[in-house]
PDB file of N, CA and C in Angstrom:
ATOM      1  N   MET A   1      63.745 244.928 150.094  1.00  0.00           N
ATOM      2  CA  MET A   1      64.394 245.645 149.145  1.00  0.00           C
ATOM      3  C   MET A   1      64.021 246.944 149.108  1.00  0.00           C
ATOM      4  N   HIS A   2      64.807 247.945 148.512  1.00  0.00           N
ATOM      5  CA  HIS A   2      64.536 249.385 148.154  1.00  0.00           C
ATOM      6  C   HIS A   2      64.701 249.763 147.004  1.00  0.00           C
ATOM      7  N   ASP A   3      64.267 250.979 146.573  1.00  0.00           N
ATOM      8  CA  ASP A   3      64.847 251.385 145.205  1.00  0.00           C
ATOM      9  C   ASP A   3      65.993 252.277 145.161  1.00  0.00           C
ATOM     10  N   GLU A   4      66.925 252.310 145.842  1.00  0.00           N
ATOM     11  CA  GLU A   4      67.894 253.045 145.705  1.00  0.00           C
ATOM     12  C   GLU A   4      69.032 252.393 144.886  1.00  0.00           C
ATOM     13  N   VAL A   5      69.651 252.969 143.953  1.00  0.00           N
ATOM     14  CA  VAL A   5      70.606 252.305 143.098  1.00  0.00           C
ATOM     15  C   VAL A   5      71.661 253.134 143.036  1.00  0.00           C
ATOM     16  N   ASP A   6      73.052 252.566 142.689  1.00  0.00           N
ATOM     17  CA  ASP A   6      74.214 253.364 142.627  1.00  0.00           C
ATOM     18  C   ASP A   6      74.359 253.971 141.262  1.00  0.00           C
ATOM     19  N   GLU A   7      75.495 254.383 140.774  1.00  0.00           N
ATOM     20  CA  GLU A   7      75.513 255.450 139.796  1.00  0.00           C
ATOM     21  C   GLU A   7      75.648 254.448 138.382  1.00  0.00           C
ATOM     22  N   TYR A   8      75.903 253.092 138.672  1.00  0.00           N
ATOM     23  CA  TYR A   8      75.563 252.072 137.635  1.00  0.00           C
ATOM     24  C   TYR A   8      74.280 251.537 137.515  1.00  0.00           C
ATOM     25  N   GLY A   9      73.429 251.904 138.271  1.00  0.00           N
ATOM     26  CA  GLY A   9      71.999 251.283 138.180  1.00  0.00           C
ATOM     27  C   GLY A   9      71.771 249.923 139.056  1.00  0.00           C
ATOM     28  N   ILE A  10      72.653 249.751 139.912  1.00  0.00           N
ATOM     29  CA  ILE A  10      72.843 248.351 140.494  1.00  0.00           C
ATOM     30  C   ILE A  10      72.189 248.787 141.990  1.00  0.00           C
ATOM     31  N   SER A  11      71.305 247.876 142.377  1.00  0.00           N
ATOM     32  CA  SER A  11      70.723 248.087 143.829  1.00  0.00           C
ATOM     33  C   SER A  11      71.722 248.340 144.952  1.00  0.00           C
ATOM     34  N   THR A  12      71.493 249.201 145.924  1.00  0.00           N
ATOM     35  CA  THR A  12      72.369 249.167 146.966  1.00  0.00           C
ATOM     36  C   THR A  12      72.223 248.295 148.070  1.00  0.00           C
ATOM     37  N   ASP A  13      71.084 247.396 147.754  1.00  0.00           N
ATOM     38  CA  ASP A  13      70.822 246.260 148.610  1.00  0.00           C
ATOM     39  C   ASP A  13      71.891 245.113 148.346  1.00  0.00           C
ATOM     40  N   VAL A  14      72.556 245.351 147.283  1.00  0.00           N
ATOM     41  CA  VAL A  14      73.652 244.461 146.980  1.00  0.00           C
ATOM     42  C   VAL A  14      74.815 244.752 147.988  1.00  0.00           C
ATOM     43  N   LEU A  15      75.031 243.876 148.835  1.00  0.00           N
ATOM     44  CA  LEU A  15      76.187 244.148 149.791  1.00  0.00           C
ATOM     45  C   LEU A  15      76.914 242.747 150.021  1.00  0.00           C
ATOM     46  N   VAL A  16      78.209 243.270 149.995  1.00  0.00           N
ATOM     47  CA  VAL A  16      79.267 242.113 149.914  1.00  0.00           C
ATOM     48  C   VAL A  16      80.517 242.656 150.819  1.00  0.00           C
ATOM     49  N   ARG A  17      80.906 241.759 151.633  1.00  0.00           N
ATOM     50  CA  ARG A  17      82.133 242.629 152.725  1.00  0.00           C
ATOM     51  C   ARG A  17      81.847 243.949 153.043  1.00  0.00           C
ATOM     52  N   GLY A  18      80.923 244.499 153.330  1.00  0.00           N
ATOM     53  CA  GLY A  18      80.713 245.937 153.691  1.00  0.00           C
ATOM     54  C   GLY A  18      80.595 246.958 152.384  1.00  0.00           C
ATOM     55  N   ARG A  19      80.886 246.487 151.207  1.00  0.00           N
ATOM     56  CA  ARG A  19      80.441 247.151 150.076  1.00  0.00           C
ATOM     57  C   ARG A  19      79.017 247.050 149.380  1.00  0.00           C
ATOM     58  N   ARG A  20      78.569 248.214 148.835  1.00  0.00           N
ATOM     59  CA  ARG A  20      77.321 247.883 148.158  1.00  0.00           C
ATOM     60  C   ARG A  20      77.321 248.354 146.617  1.00  0.00           C
ATOM     61  N   GLY A  21      76.272 248.036 146.085  1.00  0.00           N
ATOM     62  CA  GLY A  21      76.009 248.364 144.500  1.00  0.00           C
ATOM     63  C   GLY A  21      77.002 247.759 143.579  1.00  0.00           C
ATOM     64  N   MET A  22      77.661 248.239 142.676  1.00  0.00           N
ATOM     65  CA  MET A  22      78.646 247.639 141.655  1.00  0.00           C
ATOM     66  C   MET A  22      79.647 247.176 142.257  1.00  0.00           C
ATOM     67  N   VAL A  23      80.257 247.778 143.109  1.00  0.00           N
ATOM     68  CA  VAL A  23      81.504 247.351 143.698  1.00  0.00           C
ATOM     69  C   VAL A  23      81.283 245.905 144.570  1.00  0.00           C
ATOM     70  N   ALA A  24      79.965 245.994 145.245  1.00  0.00           N
ATOM     71  CA  ALA A  24      79.703 244.695 145.860  1.00  0.00           C
ATOM     72  C   ALA A  24      79.469 243.512 144.952  1.00  0.00           C
ATOM     73  N   LEU A  25      78.919 243.831 143.613  1.00  0.00           N
ATOM     74  CA  LEU A  25      78.429 243.008 142.597  1.00  0.00           C
ATOM     75  C   LEU A  25      80.038 242.372 142.060  1.00  0.00           C
ATOM     76  N   GLY A  26      80.986 243.393 141.792  1.00  0.00           N
ATOM     77  CA  GLY A  26      82.202 242.958 141.514  1.00  0.00           C
ATOM     78  C   GLY A  26      82.810 241.953 142.194  1.00  0.00           C
ATOM     79  N   LEU A  27      82.878 242.283 143.507  1.00  0.00           N
ATOM     80  CA  LEU A  27      83.357 241.238 144.523  1.00  0.00           C
ATOM     81  C   LEU A  27      82.760 239.787 144.435  1.00  0.00           C
ATOM     82  N   PHE A  28      81.565 239.865 144.261  1.00  0.00           N
ATOM     83  CA  PHE A  28      80.708 238.561 144.276  1.00  0.00           C
ATOM     84  C   PHE A  28      80.873 237.933 143.035  1.00  0.00           C
ATOM     85  N   ILE A  29      81.193 238.413 141.924  1.00  0.00           N
ATOM     86  CA  ILE A  29      81.561 237.756 140.660  1.00  0.00           C
ATOM     87  C   ILE A  29      82.934 237.403 140.876  1.00  0.00           C
ATOM     88  N   GLY A  30      83.820 238.284 141.162  1.00  0.00           N
ATOM     89  CA  GLY A  30      85.286 237.719 141.298  1.00  0.00           C
ATOM     90  C   GLY A  30      85.541 236.954 142.379  1.00  0.00           C
ATOM     91  N   GLU A  31      84.638 236.594 143.211  1.00  0.00           N
ATOM     92  CA  GLU A  31      84.889 235.457 144.543  1.00  0.00           C
ATOM     93  C   GLU A  31      83.701 234.490 144.297  1.00  0.00           C
ATOM     94  N   LEU A  32      83.314 234.118 143.094  1.00  0.00           N
ATOM     95  CA  LEU A  32      82.036 233.423 142.991  1.00  0.00           C
ATOM     96  C   LEU A  32      82.161 232.008 143.827  1.00  0.00           C
ATOM     97  N   GLU A  33      83.393 231.421 143.453  1.00  0.00           N
ATOM     98  CA  GLU A  33      83.669 229.989 144.503  1.00  0.00           C
ATOM     99  C   GLU A  33      83.544 230.180 145.764  1.00  0.00           C
ATOM    100  N   LYS A  34      83.977 231.271 146.139  1.00  0.00           N
ATOM    101  CA  LYS A  34      83.936 231.451 147.804  1.00  0.00           C
ATOM    102  C   LYS A  34      82.465 231.740 148.029  1.00  0.00           C
ATOM    103  N   GLU A  35      81.827 232.456 147.445  1.00  0.00           N
ATOM    104  CA  GLU A  35      80.275 232.931 147.383  1.00  0.00           C
ATOM    105  C   GLU A  35      79.655 231.694 147.646  1.00  0.00           C
ATOM    106  N   ILE A  36      79.704 230.749 146.703  1.00  0.00           N
ATOM    107  CA  ILE A  36      79.138 229.590 146.557  1.00  0.00           C
ATOM    108  C   ILE A  36      79.236 228.689 147.699  1.00  0.00           C
ATOM    109  N   ALA A  37      80.574 228.497 148.230  1.00  0.00           N
ATOM    110  CA  ALA A  37      81.033 227.654 149.186  1.00  0.00           C
ATOM    111  C   ALA A  37      80.184 228.245 150.642  1.00  0.00           C
ATOM    112  N   ILE A  38      80.279 229.468 150.665  1.00  0.00           N
ATOM    113  CA  ILE A  38      79.705 230.240 151.894  1.00  0.00           C
ATOM    114  C   ILE A  38      78.182 230.143 152.057  1.00  0.00           C
ATOM    115  N   HIS A  39      77.500 230.383 151.042  1.00  0.00           N
ATOM    116  CA  HIS A  39      76.101 230.638 150.935  1.00  0.00           C
ATOM    117  C   HIS A  39      75.404 229.407 150.389  1.00  0.00           C
ATOM    118  N   GLY A  40      76.150 228.452 149.666  1.00  0.00           N
ATOM    119  CA  GLY A  40      75.351 227.450 149.037  1.00  0.00           C
ATOM    120  C   GLY A  40      75.922 225.950 149.764  1.00  0.00           C
ATOM    121  N   GLY A  41      77.087 226.213 150.523  1.00  0.00           N
ATOM    122  CA  GLY A  41      77.782 225.004 151.137  1.00  0.00           C
ATOM    123  C   GLY A  41      78.217 223.981 150.139  1.00  0.00           C
ATOM    124  N   LEU A  42      78.577 224.565 148.812  1.00  0.00           N
ATOM    125  CA  LEU A  42      79.101 223.620 147.805  1.00  0.00           C
ATOM    126  C   LEU A  42      80.446 223.798 147.326  1.00  0.00           C
ATOM    127  N   THR A  43      81.025 223.026 146.594  1.00  0.00           N
ATOM    128  CA  THR A  43      82.228 223.358 146.015  1.00  0.00           C
ATOM    129  C   THR A  43      81.886 223.598 144.552  1.00  0.00           C
ATOM    130  N   LEU A  44      82.306 224.814 143.842  1.00  0.00           N
ATOM    131  CA  LEU A  44      82.005 225.155 142.798  1.00  0.00           C
ATOM    132  C   LEU A  44      82.974 224.525 141.668  1.00  0.00           C
ATOM    133  N   THR A  45      82.613 223.815 140.584  1.00  0.00           N
ATOM    134  CA  THR A  45      83.448 222.994 139.762  1.00  0.00           C
ATOM    135  C   THR A  45      83.405 223.576 138.214  1.00  0.00           C
ATOM    136  N   GLY A  46      82.633 224.460 138.072  1.00  0.00           N
ATOM    137  CA  GLY A  46      82.642 225.358 136.899  1.00  0.00           C
ATOM    138  C   GLY A  46      81.334 225.984 136.531  1.00  0.00           C
ATOM    139  N   TYR A  47      81.481 227.013 135.531  1.00  0.00           N
ATOM    140  CA  TYR A  47      80.195 227.644 135.072  1.00  0.00           C
ATOM    141  C   TYR A  47      80.411 228.034 133.704  1.00  0.00           C
ATOM    142  N   THR A  48      79.262 228.299 132.997  1.00  0.00           N
ATOM    143  CA  THR A  48      79.043 228.698 131.733  1.00  0.00           C
ATOM    144  C   THR A  48      78.197 229.824 131.463  1.00  0.00           C
ATOM    145  N   VAL A  49      78.631 230.879 130.836  1.00  0.00           N
ATOM    146  CA  VAL A  49      77.863 232.143 130.778  1.00  0.00           C
ATOM    147  C   VAL A  49      77.405 232.405 129.330  1.00  0.00           C
ATOM    148  N   SER A  50      76.276 232.340 128.956  1.00  0.00           N
ATOM    149  CA  SER A  50      75.873 232.381 127.542  1.00  0.00           C
ATOM    150  C   SER A  50      74.925 233.350 127.088  1.00  0.00           C
ATOM    151  N   ARG A  51      74.800 233.906 126.029  1.00  0.00           N
ATOM    152  CA  ARG A  51      73.798 234.781 125.488  1.00  0.00           C
ATOM    153  C   ARG A  51      72.569 233.934 124.948  1.00  0.00           C
ATOM    154  N   GLN A  52      71.476 234.155 125.345  1.00  0.00           N
ATOM    155  CA  GLN A  52      70.311 233.542 125.139  1.00  0.00           C
ATOM    156  C   GLN A  52      69.326 234.493 124.320  1.00  0.00           C
ATOM    157  N   PRO A  53      68.486 234.006 123.525  1.00  0.00           N
ATOM    158  CA  PRO A  53      67.315 234.876 123.078  1.00  0.00           C
ATOM    159  C   PRO A  53      66.600 235.695 124.298  1.00  0.00           C
ATOM    160  N   GLY A  54      66.791 236.951 124.052  1.00  0.00           N
ATOM    161  CA  GLY A  54      66.188 237.739 125.232  1.00  0.00           C
ATOM    162  C   GLY A  54      67.136 238.154 126.485  1.00  0.00           C
ATOM    163  N   GLY A  55      68.157 237.572 126.496  1.00  0.00           N
ATOM    164  CA  GLY A  55      69.233 237.950 127.608  1.00  0.00           C
ATOM    165  C   GLY A  55      70.459 237.036 127.805  1.00  0.00           C
ATOM    166  N   TRP A  56      70.630 236.713 129.046  1.00  0.00           N
ATOM    167  CA  TRP A  56      71.892 236.012 129.322  1.00  0.00           C
ATOM    168  C   TRP A  56      71.309 234.740 130.351  1.00  0.00           C
ATOM    169  N   ARG A  57      72.130 233.852 130.376  1.00  0.00           N
ATOM    170  CA  ARG A  57      72.063 232.652 131.202  1.00  0.00           C
ATOM    171  C   ARG A  57      73.327 232.190 131.852  1.00  0.00           C
ATOM    172  N   ILE A  58      73.323 231.878 133.142  1.00  0.00           N
ATOM    173  CA  ILE A  58      74.625 231.151 133.745  1.00  0.00           C
ATOM    174  C   ILE A  58      74.255 229.738 134.002  1.00  0.00           C
ATOM    175  N   VAL A  59      74.952 228.807 133.826  1.00  0.00           N
ATOM    176  CA  VAL A  59      74.792 227.375 134.222  1.00  0.00           C
ATOM    177  C   VAL A  59      75.917 227.033 135.240  1.00  0.00           C
ATOM    178  N   LEU A  60      75.691 226.960 136.593  1.00  0.00           N
ATOM    179  CA  LEU A  60      76.768 226.622 137.425  1.00  0.00           C
ATOM    180  C   LEU A  60      76.694 225.001 137.778  1.00  0.00           C
ATOM    181  N   ARG A  61      77.803 224.629 137.784  1.00  0.00           N
ATOM    182  CA  ARG A  61      78.331 223.316 138.069  1.00  0.00           C
ATOM    183  C   ARG A  61      78.893 223.247 139.566  1.00  0.00           C
ATOM    184  N   ALA A  62      78.459 222.439 140.466  1.00  0.00           N
ATOM    185  CA  ALA A  62      79.193 222.325 141.797  1.00  0.00           C
ATOM    186  C   ALA A  62      79.098 220.700 142.424  1.00  0.00           C
ATOM    187  N   ASP A  63      79.678 220.599 143.325  1.00  0.00           N
ATOM    188  CA  ASP A  63      79.952 219.181 143.840  1.00  0.00           C
ATOM    189  C   ASP A  63      79.441 219.487 145.452  1.00  0.00           C
ATOM    190  N   ARG A  64      78.737 218.349 146.152  1.00  0.00           N
ATOM    191  CA  ARG A  64      78.386 218.430 147.376  1.00  0.00           C
ATOM    192  C   ARG A  64      78.611 216.837 147.614  1.00  0.00           C
ATOM    193  N   ASN A  65      79.792 216.622 148.373  1.00  0.00           N
ATOM    194  CA  ASN A  65      79.960 215.267 148.872  1.00  0.00           C
ATOM    195  C   ASN A  65      80.108 214.039 147.812  1.00  0.00           C
ATOM    196  N   GLY A  66      80.484 214.539 146.625  1.00  0.00           N
ATOM    197  CA  GLY A  66      80.756 213.518 145.603  1.00  0.00           C
ATOM    198  C   GLY A  66      79.542 213.910 144.506  1.00  0.00           C
ATOM    199  N   GLN A  67      78.389 214.260 144.931  1.00  0.00           N
ATOM    200  CA  GLN A  67      77.351 214.612 144.154  1.00  0.00           C
ATOM    201  C   GLN A  67      77.152 215.716 143.096  1.00  0.00           C
ATOM    202  N   HIS A  68      77.250 215.406 141.889  1.00  0.00           N
ATOM    203  CA  HIS A  68      77.503 216.678 140.957  1.00  0.00           C
ATOM    204  C   HIS A  68      75.905 217.394 140.848  1.00  0.00           C
ATOM    205  N   LEU A  69      75.970 218.563 140.936  1.00  0.00           N
ATOM    206  CA  LEU A  69      74.873 219.317 140.965  1.00  0.00           C
ATOM    207  C   LEU A  69      74.870 220.615 139.995  1.00  0.00           C
ATOM    208  N   VAL A  70      73.846 221.107 139.575  1.00  0.00           N
ATOM    209  CA  VAL A  70      73.761 222.140 138.606  1.00  0.00           C
ATOM    210  C   VAL A  70      72.584 223.043 138.964  1.00  0.00           C
ATOM    211  N   ALA A  71      72.990 224.433 138.590  1.00  0.00           N
ATOM    212  CA  ALA A  71      71.808 225.372 139.085  1.00  0.00           C
ATOM    213  C   ALA A  71      71.916 226.439 137.810  1.00  0.00           C
ATOM    214  N   PHE A  72      70.780 227.082 137.564  1.00  0.00           N
ATOM    215  CA  PHE A  72      70.616 228.194 136.507  1.00  0.00           C
ATOM    216  C   PHE A  72      70.085 229.345 136.966  1.00  0.00           C
ATOM    217  N   ALA A  73      70.661 230.539 136.424  1.00  0.00           N
ATOM    218  CA  ALA A  73      70.225 231.892 136.621  1.00  0.00           C
ATOM    219  C   ALA A  73      70.277 232.639 135.434  1.00  0.00           C
ATOM    220  N   GLY A  74      69.323 233.631 135.357  1.00  0.00           N
ATOM    221  CA  GLY A  74      69.356 234.364 133.956  1.00  0.00           C
ATOM    222  C   GLY A  74      69.050 235.918 134.241  1.00  0.00           C
ATOM    223  N   GLY A  75      69.239 236.628 133.134  1.00  0.00           N
ATOM    224  CA  GLY A  75      68.761 238.045 133.175  1.00  0.00           C
ATOM    225  C   GLY A  75      68.686 238.696 131.984  1.00  0.00           C
ATOM    226  N   ARG A  76      68.136 239.956 131.664  1.00  0.00           N
ATOM    227  CA  ARG A  76      68.113 240.410 130.490  1.00  0.00           C
ATOM    228  C   ARG A  76      69.317 241.002 130.064  1.00  0.00           C
ATOM    229  N   THR A  77      70.255 241.578 131.013  1.00  0.00           N
ATOM    230  CA  THR A  77      71.326 241.992 130.705  1.00  0.00           C
ATOM    231  C   THR A  77      72.507 241.128 131.559  1.00  0.00           C
ATOM    232  N   LEU A  78      73.750 241.304 131.184  1.00  0.00           N
ATOM    233  CA  LEU A  78      74.655 240.634 131.851  1.00  0.00           C
ATOM    234  C   LEU A  78      74.961 241.013 133.211  1.00  0.00           C
ATOM    235  N   MET A  79      74.692 242.292 133.521  1.00  0.00           N
ATOM    236  CA  MET A  79      74.763 242.742 135.019  1.00  0.00           C
ATOM    237  C   MET A  79      73.378 242.452 135.687  1.00  0.00           C
ATOM    238  N   GLY A  80      72.378 242.246 135.105  1.00  0.00           N
ATOM    239  CA  GLY A  80      71.140 241.726 135.631  1.00  0.00           C
ATOM    240  C   GLY A  80      71.503 240.225 136.031  1.00  0.00           C
ATOM    241  N   LEU A  81      72.002 239.377 135.156  1.00  0.00           N
ATOM    242  CA  LEU A  81      72.107 238.218 135.436  1.00  0.00           C
ATOM    243  C   LEU A  81      72.934 238.146 136.644  1.00  0.00           C
ATOM    244  N   TYR A  82      74.040 238.482 136.867  1.00  0.00           N
ATOM    245  CA  TYR A  82      74.845 238.474 138.189  1.00  0.00           C
ATOM    246  C   TYR A  82      74.128 239.041 139.223  1.00  0.00           C
ATOM    247  N   ARG A  83      73.246 240.275 139.204  1.00  0.00           N
ATOM    248  CA  ARG A  83      72.404 240.561 140.235  1.00  0.00           C
ATOM    249  C   ARG A  83      71.532 239.599 140.493  1.00  0.00           C
ATOM    250  N   ASN A  84      70.784 238.930 139.716  1.00  0.00           N
ATOM    251  CA  ASN A  84      69.875 237.969 140.134  1.00  0.00           C
ATOM    252  C   ASN A  84      70.311 236.689 140.655  1.00  0.00           C
ATOM    253  N   LEU A  85      71.686 236.297 140.213  1.00  0.00           N
ATOM    254  CA  LEU A  85      72.342 235.248 140.624  1.00  0.00           C
ATOM    255  C   LEU A  85      72.734 235.532 142.357  1.00  0.00           C
ATOM    256  N   TYR A  86      73.064 236.595 142.328  1.00  0.00           N
ATOM    257  CA  TYR A  86      73.351 237.227 143.926  1.00  0.00           C
ATOM    258  C   TYR A  86      72.165 237.291 144.758  1.00  0.00           C
ATOM    259  N   TYR A  87      71.145 237.534 144.222  1.00  0.00           N
ATOM    260  CA  TYR A  87      69.829 237.450 145.140  1.00  0.00           C
ATOM    261  C   TYR A  87      69.366 236.168 145.293  1.00  0.00           C
ATOM    262  N   ASP A  88      69.400 235.113 144.144  1.00  0.00           N
ATOM    263  CA  ASP A  88      68.960 233.908 144.498  1.00  0.00           C
ATOM    264  C   ASP A  88      69.797 233.079 145.563  1.00  0.00           C
ATOM    265  N   LEU A  89      71.251 233.338 145.434  1.00  0.00           N
ATOM    266  CA  LEU A  89      72.179 232.859 146.106  1.00  0.00           C
ATOM    267  C   LEU A  89      71.972 233.105 147.607  1.00  0.00           C
ATOM    268  N   TYR A  90      71.940 234.708 147.790  1.00  0.00           N
ATOM    269  CA  TYR A  90      71.939 235.074 149.253  1.00  0.00           C
ATOM    270  C   TYR A  90      70.670 235.021 149.743  1.00  0.00           C
ATOM    271  N   ASN A  91      69.536 234.702 149.167  1.00  0.00           N
ATOM    272  CA  ASN A  91      68.188 234.602 149.539  1.00  0.00           C
ATOM    273  C   ASN A  91      67.787 232.918 149.735  1.00  0.00           C
ATOM    274  N   SER A  92      68.708 232.126 149.342  1.00  0.00           N
ATOM    275  CA  SER A  92      68.590 230.566 149.404  1.00  0.00           C
ATOM    276  C   SER A  92      67.420 230.219 148.621  1.00  0.00           C
ATOM    277  N   ILE A  93      67.424 230.595 147.277  1.00  0.00           N
ATOM    278  CA  ILE A  93      66.223 230.384 146.418  1.00  0.00           C
ATOM    279  C   ILE A  93      66.873 229.749 145.077  1.00  0.00           C
ATOM    280  N   LEU A  94      68.289 229.954 144.963  1.00  0.00           N
ATOM    281  CA  LEU A  94      68.935 229.133 143.865  1.00  0.00           C
ATOM    282  C   LEU A  94      68.694 227.677 144.084  1.00  0.00           C
ATOM    283  N   ARG A  95      68.135 227.061 142.947  1.00  0.00           N
ATOM    284  CA  ARG A  95      67.598 225.521 143.025  1.00  0.00           C
ATOM    285  C   ARG A  95      68.740 224.841 142.368  1.00  0.00           C
ATOM    286  N   TRP A  96      69.452 223.973 143.246  1.00  0.00           N
ATOM    287  CA  TRP A  96      70.334 223.122 142.781  1.00  0.00           C
ATOM    288  C   TRP A  96      69.687 221.637 142.517  1.00  0.00           C
ATOM    289  N   ARG A  97      70.215 220.982 141.255  1.00  0.00           N
ATOM    290  CA  ARG A  97      69.547 219.629 140.829  1.00  0.00           C
ATOM    291  C   ARG A  97      70.668 218.743 140.354  1.00  0.00           C
ATOM    292  N   VAL A  98      70.374 217.574 140.658  1.00  0.00           N
ATOM    293  CA  VAL A  98      71.484 216.637 140.181  1.00  0.00           C
ATOM    294  C   VAL A  98      71.933 216.775 138.591  1.00  0.00           C
ATOM    295  N   ASP A  99      72.976 216.688 138.469  1.00  0.00           N
ATOM    296  CA  ASP A  99      73.459 217.186 137.065  1.00  0.00           C
ATOM    297  C   ASP A  99      73.055 215.743 136.163  1.00  0.00           C
ATOM    298  N   ARG A 100      72.240 215.812 135.294  1.00  0.00           N
ATOM    299  CA  ARG A 100      72.075 214.401 134.508  1.00  0.00           C
ATOM    300  C   ARG A 100      73.217 213.988 133.625  1.00  0.00           C
ATOM    301  N   PHE A 101      73.955 214.988 133.142  1.00  0.00           N
ATOM    302  CA  PHE A 101      75.102 214.765 132.233  1.00  0.00           C
ATOM    303  C   PHE A 101      76.580 214.388 132.923  1.00  0.00           C
ATOM    304  N   LYS A 102      76.502 214.144 134.240  1.00  0.00           N
ATOM    305  CA  LYS A 102      77.795 213.820 134.732  1.00  0.00           C
ATOM    306  C   LYS A 102      77.582 212.427 135.153  1.00  0.00           C
TER     307      LYS A 102
END
């Protein structure tokens, strides 16, 4: 990762379909279901974004061969949340767990 950012403060390391920065992050968010399938091998079944003390959190729900899974990501800002989710998913560090409530 390097320190270059676009005019919105989003790292130019964010790269989706040949686009960088905020445009790439917009593509990532808009096609989240597809991104989860490509980079996680899962079927996204839903997600919830909520404001938490000190920032934002997303709860992702997905299915893998009938097994219900859940993963979490967070950030101080909403854009930070999506940027962190991008990095976690693209770097294979997003941790999926069995959904205890399914």
